[in-house]
Amino acid sequence: MNDGSTTARAIDRAALRRWPQRQALAPEPPWLHGEVARRMAERLQIMKRVPTVVIDWWSRSGGGGELLRAAYPKAQQLRVEPAAVMQRPKAASPWWSAQRWRADHLLAESSVPDGQAQLLWANMMLHAVADPGALFAQWRKALSMEGFVMFSTLGPDTLRTLRQTYRDAGRGVAHAPFVDMHDLGDMLLRAGFAHPVT
């Protein structure tokens, strides 16, 4: 992908800021995000350690909140959102809303505590990040020594037909390039993670 000195991709940063804002306006996460979250949650059973602190990165659009609460009902849930979503004004929840009574907390990406979480979950958001390697380093700081990260993302073969359609029509590139899983594994190792499984 590159010479290893940077993991940043050439992506329109303004478009990246708008994407989570649009997702946050939707009444619920996209169907695909929910389906991928369900399949990821099935794999939580293989983890031997039960986390006491769970970070749900870009929780609003990831669709995994209820699944994580069901899997780890006693864990503190930290919901992390990008700055673009946190800055949006939102309507106050009614007093009877389940949201008011949950034992989870909403945080901006810049205010995640270091070294507390045993699980960091990030569903269908990494492909919307300009510098995955820098984000992996941030995730590593957020995890305890024995913590683990689970994430899903789109890969280079995703939307291949769409890209070909754009090429055939003489149009520009359909979307930013997606990162290969082997490159993601290398980035994880550089960020300090051990034993990445892709």
C-alpha atoms as a PDB file:
ATOM      1  CA  MET A   1       0.000   0.000   0.000  1.00  0.00           C
ATOM      2  CA  ASN A   2       2.794   2.431   0.864  1.00  0.00           C
ATOM      3  CA  ASP A   3       6.363   2.540   2.119  1.00  0.00           C
ATOM      4  CA  GLY A   4       5.271   2.127   5.749  1.00  0.00           C
ATOM      5  CA  SER A   5       6.054   5.693   6.783  1.00  0.00           C
ATOM      6  CA  THR A   6       2.383   6.650   6.804  1.00  0.00           C
ATOM      7  CA  THR A   7      -0.898   4.778   6.676  1.00  0.00           C
ATOM      8  CA  ALA A   8      -2.972   7.757   5.520  1.00  0.00           C
ATOM      9  CA  ARG A   9      -5.045   7.369   2.368  1.00  0.00           C
ATOM     10  CA  ALA A  10      -5.943   9.997  -0.205  1.00  0.00           C
ATOM     11  CA  ILE A  11      -9.542  10.598   0.815  1.00  0.00           C
ATOM     12  CA  ASP A  12     -11.688  13.735   0.650  1.00  0.00           C
ATOM     13  CA  ARG A  13     -11.676  14.758   4.323  1.00  0.00           C
ATOM     14  CA  ALA A  14     -14.790  16.924   3.983  1.00  0.00           C
ATOM     15  CA  ALA A  15     -16.683  13.921   2.608  1.00  0.00           C
ATOM     16  CA  LEU A  16     -15.395  11.834   5.513  1.00  0.00           C
ATOM     17  CA  ARG A  17     -16.796  14.339   8.002  1.00  0.00           C
ATOM     18  CA  ARG A  18     -20.193  14.329   6.276  1.00  0.00           C
ATOM     19  CA  TRP A  19     -20.541  10.526   6.179  1.00  0.00           C
ATOM     20  CA  PRO A  20     -21.029   9.950   9.944  1.00  0.00           C
ATOM     21  CA  GLN A  21     -23.295  13.004  10.124  1.00  0.00           C
ATOM     22  CA  ARG A  22     -25.569  11.492   7.476  1.00  0.00           C
ATOM     23  CA  GLN A  23     -25.518   8.148   9.291  1.00  0.00           C
ATOM     24  CA  ALA A  24     -26.488   9.853  12.547  1.00  0.00           C
ATOM     25  CA  LEU A  25     -29.589  11.377  10.920  1.00  0.00           C
ATOM     26  CA  ALA A  26     -30.951   7.952  10.005  1.00  0.00           C
ATOM     27  CA  PRO A  27     -33.546   6.519  12.408  1.00  0.00           C
ATOM     28  CA  GLU A  28     -31.515   3.305  12.663  1.00  0.00           C
ATOM     29  CA  PRO A  29     -28.194   1.927  11.409  1.00  0.00           C
ATOM     30  CA  PRO A  30     -28.087   0.581   7.825  1.00  0.00           C
ATOM     31  CA  TRP A  31     -29.338  -2.974   7.410  1.00  0.00           C
ATOM     32  CA  LEU A  32     -25.907  -4.200   6.295  1.00  0.00           C
ATOM     33  CA  HIS A  33     -24.269  -2.783   9.433  1.00  0.00           C
ATOM     34  CA  GLY A  34     -26.793  -4.598  11.600  1.00  0.00           C
ATOM     35  CA  GLU A  35     -26.225  -7.889   9.790  1.00  0.00           C
ATOM     36  CA  VAL A  36     -22.432  -7.627  10.042  1.00  0.00           C
ATOM     37  CA  ALA A  37     -22.762  -6.705  13.745  1.00  0.00           C
ATOM     38  CA  ARG A  38     -24.910  -9.802  14.331  1.00  0.00           C
ATOM     39  CA  ARG A  39     -22.301 -12.025  12.686  1.00  0.00           C
ATOM     40  CA  MET A  40     -19.477 -10.397  14.653  1.00  0.00           C
ATOM     41  CA  ALA A  41     -21.403 -10.880  17.897  1.00  0.00           C
ATOM     42  CA  GLU A  42     -21.644 -14.626  17.194  1.00  0.00           C
ATOM     43  CA  ARG A  43     -17.841 -14.743  17.438  1.00  0.00           C
ATOM     44  CA  LEU A  44     -17.738 -13.164  20.882  1.00  0.00           C
ATOM     45  CA  GLN A  45     -18.368 -16.636  22.328  1.00  0.00           C
ATOM     46  CA  ILE A  46     -14.809 -17.722  21.512  1.00  0.00           C
ATOM     47  CA  MET A  47     -13.351 -15.036  23.805  1.00  0.00           C
ATOM     48  CA  LYS A  48     -12.422 -16.513  27.180  1.00  0.00           C
ATOM     49  CA  ARG A  49     -12.214 -13.244  29.124  1.00  0.00           C
ATOM     50  CA  VAL A  50     -15.387 -11.376  29.995  1.00  0.00           C
ATOM     51  CA  PRO A  51     -14.795  -7.635  29.618  1.00  0.00           C
ATOM     52  CA  THR A  52     -15.820  -5.210  32.340  1.00  0.00           C
ATOM     53  CA  VAL A  53     -15.421  -2.183  30.035  1.00  0.00           C
ATOM     54  CA  VAL A  54     -16.490  -2.278  26.370  1.00  0.00           C
ATOM     55  CA  ILE A  55     -15.854   0.491  23.855  1.00  0.00           C
ATOM     56  CA  ASP A  56     -18.294   0.653  20.948  1.00  0.00           C
ATOM     57  CA  TRP A  57     -16.515   2.860  18.374  1.00  0.00           C
ATOM     58  CA  TRP A  58     -18.905   4.866  16.170  1.00  0.00           C
ATOM     59  CA  SER A  59     -21.700   3.173  18.038  1.00  0.00           C
ATOM     60  CA  ARG A  60     -24.583   5.029  16.401  1.00  0.00           C
ATOM     61  CA  SER A  61     -23.967   3.751  12.872  1.00  0.00           C
ATOM     62  CA  GLY A  62     -22.410   0.416  13.881  1.00  0.00           C
ATOM     63  CA  GLY A  63     -25.619  -1.255  15.002  1.00  0.00           C
ATOM     64  CA  GLY A  64     -23.963  -3.370  17.699  1.00  0.00           C
ATOM     65  CA  GLY A  65     -25.035  -1.656  20.923  1.00  0.00           C
ATOM     66  CA  GLU A  66     -27.853  -4.018  21.864  1.00  0.00           C
ATOM     67  CA  LEU A  67     -25.783  -7.060  20.894  1.00  0.00           C
ATOM     68  CA  LEU A  68     -22.903  -5.923  23.105  1.00  0.00           C
ATOM     69  CA  ARG A  69     -25.242  -5.214  26.022  1.00  0.00           C
ATOM     70  CA  ALA A  70     -26.770  -8.688  25.620  1.00  0.00           C
ATOM     71  CA  ALA A  71     -23.356 -10.370  25.456  1.00  0.00           C
ATOM     72  CA  TYR A  72     -21.896  -8.397  28.389  1.00  0.00           C
ATOM     73  CA  PRO A  73     -24.787  -7.127  30.525  1.00  0.00           C
ATOM     74  CA  LYS A  74     -22.559  -6.256  33.494  1.00  0.00           C
ATOM     75  CA  ALA A  75     -19.906  -4.395  31.492  1.00  0.00           C
ATOM     76  CA  GLN A  76     -19.680  -0.624  31.348  1.00  0.00           C
ATOM     77  CA  GLN A  77     -20.439   0.402  27.768  1.00  0.00           C
ATOM     78  CA  LEU A  78     -18.525   3.397  26.375  1.00  0.00           C
ATOM     79  CA  ARG A  79     -20.112   4.619  23.153  1.00  0.00           C
ATOM     80  CA  VAL A  80     -17.648   6.622  21.051  1.00  0.00           C
ATOM     81  CA  GLU A  81     -18.716   8.922  18.233  1.00  0.00           C
ATOM     82  CA  PRO A  82     -16.753  11.071  15.782  1.00  0.00           C
ATOM     83  CA  ALA A  83     -16.579  14.795  16.471  1.00  0.00           C
ATOM     84  CA  ALA A  84     -18.909  15.531  13.543  1.00  0.00           C
ATOM     85  CA  VAL A  85     -21.690  13.531  15.222  1.00  0.00           C
ATOM     86  CA  MET A  86     -20.995  14.874  18.728  1.00  0.00           C
ATOM     87  CA  GLN A  87     -21.329  18.476  17.508  1.00  0.00           C
ATOM     88  CA  ARG A  88     -24.790  17.922  16.032  1.00  0.00           C
ATOM     89  CA  PRO A  89     -27.593  19.328  18.181  1.00  0.00           C
ATOM     90  CA  LYS A  90     -29.973  16.583  19.218  1.00  0.00           C
ATOM     91  CA  ALA A  91     -33.394  16.463  20.743  1.00  0.00           C
ATOM     92  CA  ALA A  92     -33.606  15.663  24.436  1.00  0.00           C
ATOM     93  CA  SER A  93     -34.653  12.106  25.252  1.00  0.00           C
ATOM     94  CA  PRO A  94     -38.008  11.780  27.028  1.00  0.00           C
ATOM     95  CA  TRP A  95     -37.768  10.860  30.703  1.00  0.00           C
ATOM     96  CA  TRP A  96     -39.112   7.337  30.005  1.00  0.00           C
ATOM     97  CA  SER A  97     -36.457   6.624  27.345  1.00  0.00           C
ATOM     98  CA  ALA A  98     -34.346   3.503  27.925  1.00  0.00           C
ATOM     99  CA  GLN A  99     -31.368   5.614  26.837  1.00  0.00           C
ATOM    100  CA  ARG A 100     -31.595   7.616  30.087  1.00  0.00           C
ATOM    101  CA  TRP A 101     -31.300   4.517  32.263  1.00  0.00           C
ATOM    102  CA  ARG A 102     -28.508   2.641  30.497  1.00  0.00           C
ATOM    103  CA  ALA A 103     -25.164   2.152  32.185  1.00  0.00           C
ATOM    104  CA  ASP A 104     -23.300   3.395  29.142  1.00  0.00           C
ATOM    105  CA  HIS A 105     -21.572   6.655  28.373  1.00  0.00           C
ATOM    106  CA  LEU A 106     -21.240   8.732  25.221  1.00  0.00           C
ATOM    107  CA  LEU A 107     -17.727   9.989  24.469  1.00  0.00           C
ATOM    108  CA  ALA A 108     -15.986  11.900  21.711  1.00  0.00           C
ATOM    109  CA  GLU A 109     -13.091  10.103  20.020  1.00  0.00           C
ATOM    110  CA  SER A 110     -10.642  12.531  21.624  1.00  0.00           C
ATOM    111  CA  SER A 111     -11.797  11.820  25.207  1.00  0.00           C
ATOM    112  CA  VAL A 112     -11.543   8.017  25.403  1.00  0.00           C
ATOM    113  CA  PRO A 113      -9.690   6.988  28.598  1.00  0.00           C
ATOM    114  CA  ASP A 114      -6.417   5.092  28.199  1.00  0.00           C
ATOM    115  CA  GLY A 115      -5.967   1.452  29.168  1.00  0.00           C
ATOM    116  CA  GLN A 116      -9.405   0.721  30.617  1.00  0.00           C
ATOM    117  CA  ALA A 117     -11.314  -1.366  28.078  1.00  0.00           C
ATOM    118  CA  GLN A 118     -10.973  -5.099  27.572  1.00  0.00           C
ATOM    119  CA  LEU A 119     -12.943  -5.015  24.296  1.00  0.00           C
ATOM    120  CA  LEU A 120     -13.013  -2.382  21.574  1.00  0.00           C
ATOM    121  CA  TRP A 121     -15.701  -3.036  18.971  1.00  0.00           C
ATOM    122  CA  ALA A 122     -15.815  -1.117  15.672  1.00  0.00           C
ATOM    123  CA  ASN A 123     -18.343  -2.214  13.086  1.00  0.00           C
ATOM    124  CA  MET A 124     -18.328  -1.000   9.475  1.00  0.00           C
ATOM    125  CA  MET A 125     -16.492   2.278  10.039  1.00  0.00           C
ATOM    126  CA  LEU A 126     -12.803   1.749   9.321  1.00  0.00           C
ATOM    127  CA  HIS A 127     -13.231   2.239   5.562  1.00  0.00           C
ATOM    128  CA  ALA A 128     -14.413   5.802   6.358  1.00  0.00           C
ATOM    129  CA  VAL A 129     -11.161   6.688   8.152  1.00  0.00           C
ATOM    130  CA  ALA A 130      -8.346   8.514   6.363  1.00  0.00           C
ATOM    131  CA  ASP A 131      -5.534   7.012   8.460  1.00  0.00           C
ATOM    132  CA  PRO A 132      -6.338   3.511   9.776  1.00  0.00           C
ATOM    133  CA  GLY A 133      -2.858   3.063  11.258  1.00  0.00           C
ATOM    134  CA  ALA A 134      -3.202   6.168  13.427  1.00  0.00           C
ATOM    135  CA  LEU A 135      -6.626   4.964  14.567  1.00  0.00           C
ATOM    136  CA  PHE A 136      -5.182   1.547  15.486  1.00  0.00           C
ATOM    137  CA  ALA A 137      -2.609   3.295  17.677  1.00  0.00           C
ATOM    138  CA  GLN A 138      -5.438   5.200  19.403  1.00  0.00           C
ATOM    139  CA  TRP A 139      -7.356   1.958  19.912  1.00  0.00           C
ATOM    140  CA  ARG A 140      -4.294   0.265  21.402  1.00  0.00           C
ATOM    141  CA  LYS A 141      -3.963   3.069  23.953  1.00  0.00           C
ATOM    142  CA  ALA A 142      -7.620   2.673  24.926  1.00  0.00           C
ATOM    143  CA  LEU A 143      -7.291  -1.054  25.642  1.00  0.00           C
ATOM    144  CA  SER A 144      -5.966  -2.735  28.761  1.00  0.00           C
ATOM    145  CA  MET A 145      -2.914  -4.970  28.374  1.00  0.00           C
ATOM    146  CA  GLU A 146      -5.001  -8.096  27.731  1.00  0.00           C
ATOM    147  CA  GLY A 147      -7.730  -6.300  25.774  1.00  0.00           C
ATOM    148  CA  PHE A 148      -8.789  -7.162  22.245  1.00  0.00           C
ATOM    149  CA  VAL A 149     -10.309  -5.364  19.286  1.00  0.00           C
ATOM    150  CA  MET A 150     -12.984  -6.637  16.910  1.00  0.00           C
ATOM    151  CA  PHE A 151     -13.738  -4.700  13.761  1.00  0.00           C
ATOM    152  CA  SER A 152     -15.261  -5.113  10.331  1.00  0.00           C
ATOM    153  CA  THR A 153     -14.585  -3.100   7.216  1.00  0.00           C
ATOM    154  CA  LEU A 154     -14.979  -3.166   3.472  1.00  0.00           C
ATOM    155  CA  GLY A 155     -12.081  -4.605   1.463  1.00  0.00           C
ATOM    156  CA  PRO A 156     -10.558  -4.067  -1.998  1.00  0.00           C
ATOM    157  CA  ASP A 157     -12.945  -6.530  -3.683  1.00  0.00           C
ATOM    158  CA  THR A 158     -16.006  -4.744  -2.292  1.00  0.00           C
ATOM    159  CA  LEU A 159     -17.970  -2.815  -4.947  1.00  0.00           C
ATOM    160  CA  ARG A 160     -15.757  -4.155  -7.765  1.00  0.00           C
ATOM    161  CA  THR A 161     -18.724  -4.074 -10.151  1.00  0.00           C
ATOM    162  CA  LEU A 162     -19.468  -0.460  -9.249  1.00  0.00           C
ATOM    163  CA  ARG A 163     -15.867   0.540 -10.005  1.00  0.00           C
ATOM    164  CA  GLN A 164     -15.993  -1.232 -13.365  1.00  0.00           C
ATOM    165  CA  THR A 165     -19.276   0.489 -14.210  1.00  0.00           C
ATOM    166  CA  TYR A 166     -17.685   3.880 -13.491  1.00  0.00           C
ATOM    167  CA  ARG A 167     -14.653   2.985 -15.644  1.00  0.00           C
ATOM    168  CA  ASP A 168     -16.854   1.794 -18.510  1.00  0.00           C
ATOM    169  CA  ALA A 169     -18.818   5.040 -18.396  1.00  0.00           C
ATOM    170  CA  GLY A 170     -15.626   7.133 -18.441  1.00  0.00           C
ATOM    171  CA  ARG A 171     -16.356   8.585 -14.995  1.00  0.00           C
ATOM    172  CA  GLY A 172     -13.995   9.233 -12.130  1.00  0.00           C
ATOM    173  CA  VAL A 173     -13.280   6.869  -9.275  1.00  0.00           C
ATOM    174  CA  ALA A 174     -16.460   5.605  -7.572  1.00  0.00           C
ATOM    175  CA  HIS A 175     -15.116   5.739  -4.015  1.00  0.00           C
ATOM    176  CA  ALA A 176     -11.944   5.930  -1.966  1.00  0.00           C
ATOM    177  CA  PRO A 177      -9.784   2.797  -2.157  1.00  0.00           C
ATOM    178  CA  PHE A 178     -10.422   0.165   0.506  1.00  0.00           C
ATOM    179  CA  VAL A 179      -7.438  -1.251   2.401  1.00  0.00           C
ATOM    180  CA  ASP A 180      -6.387  -4.877   1.960  1.00  0.00           C
ATOM    181  CA  MET A 181      -6.699  -7.059   5.078  1.00  0.00           C
ATOM    182  CA  HIS A 182      -2.985  -7.951   4.978  1.00  0.00           C
ATOM    183  CA  ASP A 183      -2.100  -4.250   5.066  1.00  0.00           C
ATOM    184  CA  LEU A 184      -4.525  -3.808   7.977  1.00  0.00           C
ATOM    185  CA  GLY A 185      -2.795  -6.684   9.779  1.00  0.00           C
ATOM    186  CA  ASP A 186       0.590  -4.992   9.266  1.00  0.00           C
ATOM    187  CA  MET A 187      -0.821  -1.720  10.606  1.00  0.00           C
ATOM    188  CA  LEU A 188      -2.168  -3.512  13.683  1.00  0.00           C
ATOM    189  CA  LEU A 189       1.250  -4.996  14.401  1.00  0.00           C
ATOM    190  CA  ARG A 190       2.931  -1.590  14.008  1.00  0.00           C
ATOM    191  CA  ALA A 191       0.374  -0.133  16.437  1.00  0.00           C
ATOM    192  CA  GLY A 192       1.359  -2.695  19.082  1.00  0.00           C
ATOM    193  CA  PHE A 193      -1.328  -5.363  18.700  1.00  0.00           C
ATOM    194  CA  ALA A 194      -0.350  -9.013  18.894  1.00  0.00           C
ATOM    195  CA  HIS A 195      -1.794 -11.947  16.917  1.00  0.00           C
ATOM    196  CA  PRO A 196      -4.157 -10.148  14.508  1.00  0.00           C
ATOM    197  CA  VAL A 197      -6.648 -12.529  12.897  1.00  0.00           C
ATOM    198  CA  THR A 198      -8.161 -11.342   9.619  1.00  0.00           C
END
